[in-house]
């Protein structure tokens, strides 16, 4: 596990502003994890998504002849 050091001045400012550090970390960490998971999913499924998009571009969707708008 890797640990990093928090800038002491920044930490002091956060304390003076009554910022809840654990809550702030949890919120931001959750967002970073979601973004990383999204990137990973897109990377893992890139070929399938590209094939699907190509199929739709060349053949259209199953309902193309049924739409009235």
Protein backbone atom coordinates (compact mmCIF):
# COMPACT_ATOMS: atom_id res chain seq x y z
CA UNK A 1 0.00 0.00 0.00
CA UNK A 2 1.30 3.42 -0.93
CA UNK A 3 0.83 6.40 1.33
CA UNK A 4 1.27 10.03 0.41
CA UNK A 5 1.79 13.12 2.49
CA UNK A 6 -0.75 15.91 2.62
CA UNK A 7 0.54 19.44 2.26
CA UNK A 8 0.63 20.79 5.83
CA UNK A 9 -0.58 24.27 4.84
CA UNK A 10 -3.51 22.84 2.92
CA UNK A 11 -4.41 20.59 5.84
CA UNK A 12 -4.31 23.54 8.23
CA UNK A 13 -6.56 25.61 5.94
CA UNK A 14 -9.05 22.76 5.72
CA UNK A 15 -9.12 22.44 9.51
CA UNK A 16 -9.66 26.19 9.91
CA UNK A 17 -12.59 26.00 7.49
CA UNK A 18 -14.07 23.03 9.41
CA UNK A 19 -13.87 20.76 6.37
CA UNK A 20 -14.59 17.17 7.30
CA UNK A 21 -11.50 15.46 5.90
CA UNK A 22 -12.72 11.87 6.06
CA UNK A 23 -16.04 12.74 4.40
CA UNK A 24 -14.30 14.83 1.75
CA UNK A 25 -11.82 12.04 1.03
CA UNK A 26 -14.57 9.42 0.84
CA UNK A 27 -16.65 11.51 -1.58
CA UNK A 28 -13.76 12.33 -3.88
CA UNK A 29 -12.30 8.84 -3.71
CA UNK A 30 -15.68 7.34 -4.64
CA UNK A 31 -15.84 9.61 -7.70
CA UNK A 32 -12.29 8.73 -8.74
CA UNK A 33 -13.09 5.02 -8.39
CA UNK A 34 -16.26 5.41 -10.51
CA UNK A 35 -14.29 7.20 -13.22
CA UNK A 36 -11.56 4.54 -13.20
CA UNK A 37 -14.15 1.75 -13.35
CA UNK A 38 -15.90 3.48 -16.27
CA UNK A 39 -12.62 3.86 -18.17
CA UNK A 40 -11.77 0.21 -17.48
CA UNK A 41 -15.21 -0.98 -18.63
CA UNK A 42 -15.01 1.07 -21.82
CA UNK A 43 -11.53 -0.26 -22.52
CA UNK A 44 -12.58 -3.87 -21.89
CA UNK A 45 -15.67 -3.51 -24.08
CA UNK A 46 -14.21 -1.29 -26.81
CA UNK A 47 -14.22 -4.02 -29.48
CA UNK A 48 -17.84 -5.00 -28.81
CA UNK A 49 -18.95 -1.36 -28.81
CA UNK A 50 -17.08 -0.65 -32.05
CA UNK A 51 -18.61 -3.74 -33.71
CA UNK A 52 -22.10 -2.78 -32.54
CA UNK A 53 -21.73 0.80 -33.76
CA UNK A 54 -20.43 -0.43 -37.13
CA UNK A 55 -23.36 -2.84 -37.46
CA UNK A 56 -25.86 -0.06 -36.70
CA UNK A 57 -24.16 2.26 -39.20
CA UNK A 58 -24.24 -0.34 -41.97
CA UNK A 59 -27.52 -2.17 -41.27
CA UNK A 60 -29.50 0.26 -39.13
CA UNK A 61 -31.60 -0.78 -36.16
CA UNK A 62 -34.32 -3.43 -36.09
CA UNK A 63 -37.00 -0.75 -35.81
CA UNK A 64 -35.88 1.56 -38.62
CA UNK A 65 -38.84 0.59 -40.80
CA UNK A 66 -41.31 0.84 -37.94
CA UNK A 67 -40.66 4.39 -36.74
CA UNK A 68 -43.11 7.11 -37.72
CA UNK A 69 -41.12 10.09 -36.45
